[in-house]
Amino acid sequence: MSEEREDTKLKINITIKYGGEEDKIAIKRTTKFAKVFAVAEKKFEKDPGTLKFVLNGDRLRPEETLGDHDIEEDDIIYALLEQRGGVPCLIFA
């Protein structure tokens, strides 16, 4: 049990990539992604909520943690611009 407790205290290094930039951070497995997302958005100078984060093709949710996913040392999380809304195309004949 103490081994499990020690495991949750250990930090792992991950890389967040956005465009041609990247940011390496060390975080605990129990840290919520919301905190990671806020750090990345600040680093990449984006407004909160404008980026989505993907790992191995799966979108990461703010309420999840590293422990919820099979994230390992030096994994890469990709940050992508979130596309919202749009204008419907109206055709009048």
PDB file of N, CA and C in Angstrom:
ATOM      1  N   MET A   1       0.820  -1.193   0.000  1.00  0.00           N
ATOM      2  CA  MET A   1       0.000   0.000   0.000  1.00  0.00           C
ATOM      3  C   MET A   1       0.863   1.254   0.000  1.00  0.00           C
ATOM      4  N   SER A   2       1.970   1.235   0.752  1.00  0.00           N
ATOM      5  CA  SER A   2       2.842   2.410   0.763  1.00  0.00           C
ATOM      6  C   SER A   2       3.467   2.627  -0.607  1.00  0.00           C
ATOM      7  N   GLU A   3       3.676   1.529  -1.343  1.00  0.00           N
ATOM      8  CA  GLU A   3       4.220   1.644  -2.696  1.00  0.00           C
ATOM      9  C   GLU A   3       3.223   2.372  -3.596  1.00  0.00           C
ATOM     10  N   GLU A   4       1.929   2.086  -3.426  1.00  0.00           N
ATOM     11  CA  GLU A   4       0.896   2.758  -4.206  1.00  0.00           C
ATOM     12  C   GLU A   4       0.843   4.239  -3.857  1.00  0.00           C
ATOM     13  N   ARG A   5       0.975   4.559  -2.574  1.00  0.00           N
ATOM     14  CA  ARG A   5       0.947   5.947  -2.129  1.00  0.00           C
ATOM     15  C   ARG A   5       2.142   6.711  -2.698  1.00  0.00           C
ATOM     16  N   GLU A   6       3.319   6.092  -2.716  1.00  0.00           N
ATOM     17  CA  GLU A   6       4.506   6.731  -3.271  1.00  0.00           C
ATOM     18  C   GLU A   6       4.348   6.964  -4.767  1.00  0.00           C
ATOM     19  N   ASP A   7       3.706   6.024  -5.461  1.00  0.00           N
ATOM     20  CA  ASP A   7       3.513   6.137  -6.899  1.00  0.00           C
ATOM     21  C   ASP A   7       2.685   7.366  -7.257  1.00  0.00           C
ATOM     22  N   THR A   8       1.688   7.703  -6.434  1.00  0.00           N
ATOM     23  CA  THR A   8       0.846   8.856  -6.738  1.00  0.00           C
ATOM     24  C   THR A   8       1.570  10.169  -6.473  1.00  0.00           C
ATOM     25  N   LYS A   9       2.624  10.145  -5.675  1.00  0.00           N
ATOM     26  CA  LYS A   9       3.379  11.361  -5.392  1.00  0.00           C
ATOM     27  C   LYS A   9       4.427  11.644  -6.454  1.00  0.00           C
ATOM     28  N   LEU A  10       4.834  10.621  -7.194  1.00  0.00           N
ATOM     29  CA  LEU A  10       5.863  10.801  -8.205  1.00  0.00           C
ATOM     30  C   LEU A  10       5.345  11.623  -9.368  1.00  0.00           C
ATOM     31  N   LYS A  11       6.207  12.480  -9.869  1.00  0.00           N
ATOM     32  CA  LYS A  11       5.850  13.281 -11.035  1.00  0.00           C
ATOM     33  C   LYS A  11       6.403  12.611 -12.281  1.00  0.00           C
ATOM     34  N   ILE A  12       5.672  12.756 -13.376  1.00  0.00           N
ATOM     35  CA  ILE A  12       6.188  12.271 -14.649  1.00  0.00           C
ATOM     36  C   ILE A  12       6.282  13.453 -15.602  1.00  0.00           C
ATOM     37  N   ASN A  13       7.193  13.351 -16.539  1.00  0.00           N
ATOM     38  CA  ASN A  13       7.411  14.413 -17.516  1.00  0.00           C
ATOM     39  C   ASN A  13       6.601  14.119 -18.766  1.00  0.00           C
ATOM     40  N   ILE A  14       5.843  15.125 -19.203  1.00  0.00           N
ATOM     41  CA  ILE A  14       5.109  15.016 -20.457  1.00  0.00           C
ATOM     42  C   ILE A  14       5.415  16.242 -21.304  1.00  0.00           C
ATOM     43  N   THR A  15       5.157  16.136 -22.587  1.00  0.00           N
ATOM     44  CA  THR A  15       5.355  17.252 -23.505  1.00  0.00           C
ATOM     45  C   THR A  15       4.009  17.621 -24.101  1.00  0.00           C
ATOM     46  N   ILE A  16       3.728  18.917 -24.154  1.00  0.00           N
ATOM     47  CA  ILE A  16       2.527  19.405 -24.822  1.00  0.00           C
ATOM     48  C   ILE A  16       2.981  20.155 -26.061  1.00  0.00           C
ATOM     49  N   LYS A  17       2.485  19.751 -27.231  1.00  0.00           N
ATOM     50  CA  LYS A  17       2.866  20.376 -28.497  1.00  0.00           C
ATOM     51  C   LYS A  17       1.691  21.138 -29.080  1.00  0.00           C
ATOM     52  N   TYR A  18       2.002  22.342 -29.561  1.00  0.00           N
ATOM     53  CA  TYR A  18       1.005  23.159 -30.255  1.00  0.00           C
ATOM     54  C   TYR A  18       1.716  23.848 -31.408  1.00  0.00           C
ATOM     55  N   GLY A  19       1.305  23.548 -32.626  1.00  0.00           N
ATOM     56  CA  GLY A  19       1.984  24.119 -33.784  1.00  0.00           C
ATOM     57  C   GLY A  19       3.438  23.687 -33.766  1.00  0.00           C
ATOM     58  N   GLY A  20       4.344  24.638 -33.903  1.00  0.00           N
ATOM     59  CA  GLY A  20       5.766  24.331 -33.869  1.00  0.00           C
ATOM     60  C   GLY A  20       6.377  24.465 -32.489  1.00  0.00           C
ATOM     61  N   GLU A  21       5.557  24.767 -31.489  1.00  0.00           N
ATOM     62  CA  GLU A  21       6.057  24.968 -30.129  1.00  0.00           C
ATOM     63  C   GLU A  21       5.784  23.740 -29.267  1.00  0.00           C
ATOM     64  N   GLU A  22       6.560  23.621 -28.213  1.00  0.00           N
ATOM     65  CA  GLU A  22       6.300  22.565 -27.239  1.00  0.00           C
ATOM     66  C   GLU A  22       6.674  23.046 -25.848  1.00  0.00           C
ATOM     67  N   ASP A  23       6.036  22.453 -24.866  1.00  0.00           N
ATOM     68  CA  ASP A  23       6.274  22.790 -23.467  1.00  0.00           C
ATOM     69  C   ASP A  23       6.376  21.487 -22.687  1.00  0.00           C
ATOM     70  N   LYS A  24       7.478  21.316 -21.979  1.00  0.00           N
ATOM     71  CA  LYS A  24       7.670  20.113 -21.163  1.00  0.00           C
ATOM     72  C   LYS A  24       7.318  20.457 -19.726  1.00  0.00           C
ATOM     73  N   ILE A  25       6.487  19.606 -19.127  1.00  0.00           N
ATOM     74  CA  ILE A  25       6.098  19.836 -17.739  1.00  0.00           C
ATOM     75  C   ILE A  25       6.170  18.528 -16.959  1.00  0.00           C
ATOM     76  N   ALA A  26       6.366  18.662 -15.660  1.00  0.00           N
ATOM     77  CA  ALA A  26       6.371  17.515 -14.750  1.00  0.00           C
ATOM     78  C   ALA A  26       5.141  17.639 -13.862  1.00  0.00           C
ATOM     79  N   ILE A  27       4.298  16.607 -13.874  1.00  0.00           N
ATOM     80  CA  ILE A  27       3.078  16.648 -13.078  1.00  0.00           C
ATOM     81  C   ILE A  27       2.835  15.309 -12.390  1.00  0.00           C
ATOM     82  N   LYS A  28       2.051  15.373 -11.317  1.00  0.00           N
ATOM     83  CA  LYS A  28       1.666  14.164 -10.590  1.00  0.00           C
ATOM     84  C   LYS A  28       0.554  13.455 -11.351  1.00  0.00           C
ATOM     85  N   ARG A  29       0.451  12.163 -11.145  1.00  0.00           N
ATOM     86  CA  ARG A  29      -0.603  11.378 -11.800  1.00  0.00           C
ATOM     87  C   ARG A  29      -2.001  11.754 -11.307  1.00  0.00           C
ATOM     88  N   THR A  30      -2.078  12.408 -10.157  1.00  0.00           N
ATOM     89  CA  THR A  30      -3.375  12.784  -9.593  1.00  0.00           C
ATOM     90  C   THR A  30      -3.808  14.194  -9.977  1.00  0.00           C
ATOM     91  N   THR A  31      -2.966  14.920 -10.708  1.00  0.00           N
ATOM     92  CA  THR A  31      -3.291  16.283 -11.123  1.00  0.00           C
ATOM     93  C   THR A  31      -4.366  16.257 -12.205  1.00  0.00           C
ATOM     94  N   LYS A  32      -5.392  17.079 -12.035  1.00  0.00           N
ATOM     95  CA  LYS A  32      -6.456  17.145 -13.043  1.00  0.00           C
ATOM     96  C   LYS A  32      -5.941  17.859 -14.289  1.00  0.00           C
ATOM     97  N   PHE A  33      -6.422  17.406 -15.438  1.00  0.00           N
ATOM     98  CA  PHE A  33      -5.994  18.006 -16.696  1.00  0.00           C
ATOM     99  C   PHE A  33      -6.379  19.480 -16.794  1.00  0.00           C
ATOM    100  N   ALA A  34      -7.404  19.916 -16.083  1.00  0.00           N
ATOM    101  CA  ALA A  34      -7.800  21.324 -16.114  1.00  0.00           C
ATOM    102  C   ALA A  34      -6.611  22.219 -15.759  1.00  0.00           C
ATOM    103  N   LYS A  35      -5.835  21.802 -14.787  1.00  0.00           N
ATOM    104  CA  LYS A  35      -4.658  22.568 -14.368  1.00  0.00           C
ATOM    105  C   LYS A  35      -3.586  22.553 -15.462  1.00  0.00           C
ATOM    106  N   VAL A  36      -3.388  21.396 -16.082  1.00  0.00           N
ATOM    107  CA  VAL A  36      -2.413  21.259 -17.169  1.00  0.00           C
ATOM    108  C   VAL A  36      -2.835  22.119 -18.358  1.00  0.00           C
ATOM    109  N   PHE A  37      -4.140  22.091 -18.683  1.00  0.00           N
ATOM    110  CA  PHE A  37      -4.648  22.866 -19.811  1.00  0.00           C
ATOM    111  C   PHE A  37      -4.435  24.360 -19.579  1.00  0.00           C
ATOM    112  N   ALA A  38      -4.681  24.823 -18.361  1.00  0.00           N
ATOM    113  CA  ALA A  38      -4.517  26.245 -18.042  1.00  0.00           C
ATOM    114  C   ALA A  38      -3.064  26.679 -18.223  1.00  0.00           C
ATOM    115  N   VAL A  39      -2.135  25.841 -17.789  1.00  0.00           N
ATOM    116  CA  VAL A  39      -0.709  26.150 -17.944  1.00  0.00           C
ATOM    117  C   VAL A  39      -0.340  26.214 -19.424  1.00  0.00           C
ATOM    118  N   ALA A  40      -0.826  25.251 -20.207  1.00  0.00           N
ATOM    119  CA  ALA A  40      -0.506  25.201 -21.638  1.00  0.00           C
ATOM    120  C   ALA A  40      -1.101  26.395 -22.379  1.00  0.00           C
ATOM    121  N   GLU A  41      -2.342  26.745 -22.074  1.00  0.00           N
ATOM    122  CA  GLU A  41      -2.979  27.878 -22.752  1.00  0.00           C
ATOM    123  C   GLU A  41      -2.250  29.179 -22.436  1.00  0.00           C
ATOM    124  N   LYS A  42      -1.779  29.312 -21.225  1.00  0.00           N
ATOM    125  CA  LYS A  42      -1.004  30.503 -20.862  1.00  0.00           C
ATOM    126  C   LYS A  42       0.328  30.511 -21.606  1.00  0.00           C
ATOM    127  N   LYS A  43       1.006  29.373 -21.659  1.00  0.00           N
ATOM    128  CA  LYS A  43       2.299  29.253 -22.334  1.00  0.00           C
ATOM    129  C   LYS A  43       2.171  29.576 -23.822  1.00  0.00           C
ATOM    130  N   PHE A  44       1.094  29.067 -24.458  1.00  0.00           N
ATOM    131  CA  PHE A  44       0.905  29.273 -25.889  1.00  0.00           C
ATOM    132  C   PHE A  44       0.112  30.543 -26.197  1.00  0.00           C
ATOM    133  N   GLU A  45      -0.147  31.346 -25.163  1.00  0.00           N
ATOM    134  CA  GLU A  45      -0.830  32.636 -25.282  1.00  0.00           C
ATOM    135  C   GLU A  45      -2.197  32.507 -25.951  1.00  0.00           C
ATOM    136  N   LYS A  46      -2.988  31.569 -25.461  1.00  0.00           N
ATOM    137  CA  LYS A  46      -4.345  31.344 -25.959  1.00  0.00           C
ATOM    138  C   LYS A  46      -5.338  31.591 -24.832  1.00  0.00           C
ATOM    139  N   ASP A  47      -6.527  32.050 -25.199  1.00  0.00           N
ATOM    140  CA  ASP A  47      -7.575  32.258 -24.209  1.00  0.00           C
ATOM    141  C   ASP A  47      -8.022  30.910 -23.640  1.00  0.00           C
ATOM    142  N   PRO A  48      -8.456  30.896 -22.384  1.00  0.00           N
ATOM    143  CA  PRO A  48      -8.932  29.648 -21.784  1.00  0.00           C
ATOM    144  C   PRO A  48     -10.068  29.030 -22.607  1.00  0.00           C
ATOM    145  N   GLY A  49      -9.973  27.731 -22.823  1.00  0.00           N
ATOM    146  CA  GLY A  49     -11.014  27.019 -23.547  1.00  0.00           C
ATOM    147  C   GLY A  49     -10.882  27.023 -25.058  1.00  0.00           C
ATOM    148  N   THR A  50      -9.838  27.657 -25.598  1.00  0.00           N
ATOM    149  CA  THR A  50      -9.695  27.715 -27.057  1.00  0.00           C
ATOM    150  C   THR A  50      -8.920  26.535 -27.627  1.00  0.00           C
ATOM    151  N   LEU A  51      -8.285  25.757 -26.769  1.00  0.00           N
ATOM    152  CA  LEU A  51      -7.534  24.592 -27.237  1.00  0.00           C
ATOM    153  C   LEU A  51      -8.208  23.312 -26.757  1.00  0.00           C
ATOM    154  N   LYS A  52      -8.086  22.255 -27.564  1.00  0.00           N
ATOM    155  CA  LYS A  52      -8.469  20.924 -27.095  1.00  0.00           C
ATOM    156  C   LYS A  52      -7.193  20.104 -27.051  1.00  0.00           C
ATOM    157  N   PHE A  53      -7.172  19.098 -26.201  1.00  0.00           N
ATOM    158  CA  PHE A  53      -5.957  18.329 -25.964  1.00  0.00           C
ATOM    159  C   PHE A  53      -6.212  16.861 -26.276  1.00  0.00           C
ATOM    160  N   VAL A  54      -5.271  16.272 -27.034  1.00  0.00           N
ATOM    161  CA  VAL A  54      -5.454  14.917 -27.543  1.00  0.00           C
ATOM    162  C   VAL A  54      -4.228  14.069 -27.220  1.00  0.00           C
ATOM    163  N   LEU A  55      -4.482  12.832 -26.794  1.00  0.00           N
ATOM    164  CA  LEU A  55      -3.426  11.858 -26.536  1.00  0.00           C
ATOM    165  C   LEU A  55      -3.804  10.565 -27.242  1.00  0.00           C
ATOM    166  N   ASN A  56      -2.956  10.113 -28.152  1.00  0.00           N
ATOM    167  CA  ASN A  56      -3.207   8.868 -28.894  1.00  0.00           C
ATOM    168  C   ASN A  56      -4.582   8.849 -29.555  1.00  0.00           C
ATOM    169  N   GLY A  57      -5.007   9.997 -30.073  1.00  0.00           N
ATOM    170  CA  GLY A  57      -6.290  10.088 -30.761  1.00  0.00           C
ATOM    171  C   GLY A  57      -7.493  10.274 -29.856  1.00  0.00           C
ATOM    172  N   ASP A  58      -7.294  10.233 -28.543  1.00  0.00           N
ATOM    173  CA  ASP A  58      -8.392  10.409 -27.594  1.00  0.00           C
ATOM    174  C   ASP A  58      -8.358  11.809 -27.008  1.00  0.00           C
ATOM    175  N   ARG A  59      -9.517  12.463 -26.985  1.00  0.00           N
ATOM    176  CA  ARG A  59      -9.604  13.789 -26.398  1.00  0.00           C
ATOM    177  C   ARG A  59      -9.550  13.687 -24.875  1.00  0.00           C
ATOM    178  N   LEU A  60      -8.760  14.550 -24.271  1.00  0.00           N
ATOM    179  CA  LEU A  60      -8.630  14.581 -22.813  1.00  0.00           C
ATOM    180  C   LEU A  60      -9.636  15.571 -22.242  1.00  0.00           C
ATOM    181  N   ARG A  61     -10.257  15.219 -21.147  1.00  0.00           N
ATOM    182  CA  ARG A  61     -11.263  16.059 -20.489  1.00  0.00           C
ATOM    183  C   ARG A  61     -10.649  16.731 -19.259  1.00  0.00           C
ATOM    184  N   PRO A  62     -11.080  17.960 -18.958  1.00  0.00           N
ATOM    185  CA  PRO A  62     -10.506  18.705 -17.823  1.00  0.00           C
ATOM    186  C   PRO A  62     -10.633  17.996 -16.481  1.00  0.00           C
ATOM    187  N   GLU A  63     -11.698  17.226 -16.286  1.00  0.00           N
ATOM    188  CA  GLU A  63     -11.915  16.574 -14.987  1.00  0.00           C
ATOM    189  C   GLU A  63     -11.118  15.286 -14.826  1.00  0.00           C
ATOM    190  N   GLU A  64     -10.486  14.820 -15.893  1.00  0.00           N
ATOM    191  CA  GLU A  64      -9.689  13.596 -15.831  1.00  0.00           C
ATOM    192  C   GLU A  64      -8.286  13.886 -15.297  1.00  0.00           C
ATOM    193  N   THR A  65      -7.575  12.807 -14.933  1.00  0.00           N
ATOM    194  CA  THR A  65      -6.196  12.922 -14.463  1.00  0.00           C
ATOM    195  C   THR A  65      -5.297  12.021 -15.304  1.00  0.00           C
ATOM    196  N   LEU A  66      -3.987  12.154 -15.101  1.00  0.00           N
ATOM    197  CA  LEU A  66      -3.051  11.269 -15.792  1.00  0.00           C
ATOM    198  C   LEU A  66      -3.339   9.816 -15.454  1.00  0.00           C
ATOM    199  N   GLY A  67      -3.729   9.574 -14.220  1.00  0.00           N
ATOM    200  CA  GLY A  67      -4.019   8.218 -13.778  1.00  0.00           C
ATOM    201  C   GLY A  67      -5.209   7.586 -14.488  1.00  0.00           C
ATOM    202  N   ASP A  68      -6.090   8.408 -15.065  1.00  0.00           N
ATOM    203  CA  ASP A  68      -7.243   7.893 -15.803  1.00  0.00           C
ATOM    204  C   ASP A  68      -6.848   7.356 -17.176  1.00  0.00           C
ATOM    205  N   HIS A  69      -5.659   7.703 -17.627  1.00  0.00           N
ATOM    206  CA  HIS A  69      -5.172   7.291 -18.944  1.00  0.00           C
ATOM    207  C   HIS A  69      -3.862   6.527 -18.774  1.00  0.00           C
ATOM    208  N   ASP A  70      -3.458   5.863 -19.802  1.00  0.00           N
ATOM    209  CA  ASP A  70      -2.223   5.078 -19.759  1.00  0.00           C
ATOM    210  C   ASP A  70      -1.045   5.962 -20.177  1.00  0.00           C
ATOM    211  N   ILE A  71      -0.842   7.053 -19.450  1.00  0.00           N
ATOM    212  CA  ILE A  71       0.198   8.021 -19.790  1.00  0.00           C
ATOM    213  C   ILE A  71       1.506   7.609 -19.138  1.00  0.00           C
ATOM    214  N   GLU A  72       2.560   7.637 -19.929  1.00  0.00           N
ATOM    215  CA  GLU A  72       3.882   7.243 -19.458  1.00  0.00           C
ATOM    216  C   GLU A  72       4.847   8.412 -19.576  1.00  0.00           C
ATOM    217  N   GLU A  73       6.012   8.232 -18.999  1.00  0.00           N
ATOM    218  CA  GLU A  73       7.081   9.227 -19.052  1.00  0.00           C
ATOM    219  C   GLU A  73       7.349   9.638 -20.500  1.00  0.00           C
ATOM    220  N   ASP A  74       7.462  10.936 -20.729  1.00  0.00           N
ATOM    221  CA  ASP A  74       7.791  11.527 -22.033  1.00  0.00           C
ATOM    222  C   ASP A  74       6.722  11.332 -23.107  1.00  0.00           C
ATOM    223  N   ASP A  75       5.478  11.046 -22.724  1.00  0.00           N
ATOM    224  CA  ASP A  75       4.389  11.012 -23.698  1.00  0.00           C
ATOM    225  C   ASP A  75       4.127  12.424 -24.207  1.00  0.00           C
ATOM    226  N   ILE A  76       3.513  12.509 -25.381  1.00  0.00           N
ATOM    227  CA  ILE A  76       3.226  13.801 -26.001  1.00  0.00           C
ATOM    228  C   ILE A  76       1.716  13.998 -26.075  1.00  0.00           C
ATOM    229  N   ILE A  77       1.269  15.135 -25.564  1.00  0.00           N
ATOM    230  CA  ILE A  77      -0.128  15.547 -25.677  1.00  0.00           C
ATOM    231  C   ILE A  77      -0.164  16.668 -26.707  1.00  0.00           C
ATOM    232  N   TYR A  78      -1.059  16.547 -27.674  1.00  0.00           N
ATOM    233  CA  TYR A  78      -1.170  17.558 -28.722  1.00  0.00           C
ATOM    234  C   TYR A  78      -2.293  18.525 -28.387  1.00  0.00           C
ATOM    235  N   ALA A  79      -1.997  19.819 -28.517  1.00  0.00           N
ATOM    236  CA  ALA A  79      -2.994  20.865 -28.323  1.00  0.00           C
ATOM    237  C   ALA A  79      -3.436  21.341 -29.705  1.00  0.00           C
ATOM    238  N   LEU A  80      -4.739  21.391 -29.902  1.00  0.00           N
ATOM    239  CA  LEU A  80      -5.302  21.800 -31.185  1.00  0.00           C
ATOM    240  C   LEU A  80      -6.312  22.911 -30.954  1.00  0.00           C
ATOM    241  N   LEU A  81      -6.459  23.801 -31.932  1.00  0.00           N
ATOM    242  CA  LEU A  81      -7.472  24.843 -31.808  1.00  0.00           C
ATOM    243  C   LEU A  81      -8.854  24.210 -31.826  1.00  0.00           C
ATOM    244  N   GLU A  82      -9.668  24.615 -30.886  1.00  0.00           N
ATOM    245  CA  GLU A  82     -11.042  24.126 -30.797  1.00  0.00           C
ATOM    246  C   GLU A  82     -11.884  24.872 -31.819  1.00  0.00           C
ATOM    247  N   GLN A  83     -12.600  24.144 -32.644  1.00  0.00           N
ATOM    248  CA  GLN A  83     -13.488  24.784 -33.614  1.00  0.00           C
ATOM    249  C   GLN A  83     -14.901  24.715 -33.072  1.00  0.00           C
ATOM    250  N   ARG A  84     -15.509  25.865 -32.951  1.00  0.00           N
ATOM    251  CA  ARG A  84     -16.869  25.924 -32.418  1.00  0.00           C
ATOM    252  C   ARG A  84     -17.758  26.711 -33.364  1.00  0.00           C
ATOM    253  N   GLY A  85     -18.985  26.303 -33.398  1.00  0.00           N
ATOM    254  CA  GLY A  85     -19.980  27.063 -34.142  1.00  0.00           C
ATOM    255  C   GLY A  85     -19.738  27.054 -35.627  1.00  0.00           C
ATOM    256  N   GLY A  86     -19.992  28.166 -36.219  1.00  0.00           N
ATOM    257  CA  GLY A  86     -19.898  28.294 -37.660  1.00  0.00           C
ATOM    258  C   GLY A  86     -21.170  28.950 -38.158  1.00  0.00           C
ATOM    259  N   VAL A  87     -21.193  29.246 -39.399  1.00  0.00           N
ATOM    260  CA  VAL A  87     -22.347  29.897 -40.000  1.00  0.00           C
ATOM    261  C   VAL A  87     -23.000  28.904 -40.949  1.00  0.00           C
ATOM    262  N   PRO A  88     -24.294  28.695 -40.802  1.00  0.00           N
ATOM    263  CA  PRO A  88     -24.956  27.780 -41.730  1.00  0.00           C
ATOM    264  C   PRO A  88     -24.973  28.373 -43.133  1.00  0.00           C
ATOM    265  N   CYS A  89     -24.881  27.510 -44.085  1.00  0.00           N
ATOM    266  CA  CYS A  89     -24.888  27.934 -45.476  1.00  0.00           C
ATOM    267  C   CYS A  89     -26.336  27.970 -45.959  1.00  0.00           C
ATOM    268  N   LEU A  90     -26.800  29.139 -46.328  1.00  0.00           N
ATOM    269  CA  LEU A  90     -28.164  29.291 -46.824  1.00  0.00           C
ATOM    270  C   LEU A  90     -28.122  29.536 -48.322  1.00  0.00           C
ATOM    271  N   ILE A  91     -28.905  28.778 -49.034  1.00  0.00           N
ATOM    272  CA  ILE A  91     -28.968  28.953 -50.485  1.00  0.00           C
ATOM    273  C   ILE A  91     -30.400  29.325 -50.841  1.00  0.00           C
ATOM    274  N   PHE A  92     -30.542  30.473 -51.465  1.00  0.00           N
ATOM    275  CA  PHE A  92     -31.859  30.922 -51.909  1.00  0.00           C
ATOM    276  C   PHE A  92     -31.943  30.764 -53.413  1.00  0.00           C
ATOM    277  N   ALA A  93     -32.952  30.082 -53.856  1.00  0.00           N
ATOM    278  CA  ALA A  93     -33.088  29.873 -55.304  1.00  0.00           C
ATOM    279  C   ALA A  93     -34.210  30.700 -55.861  1.00  0.00           C
TER     280      ALA A  93
END
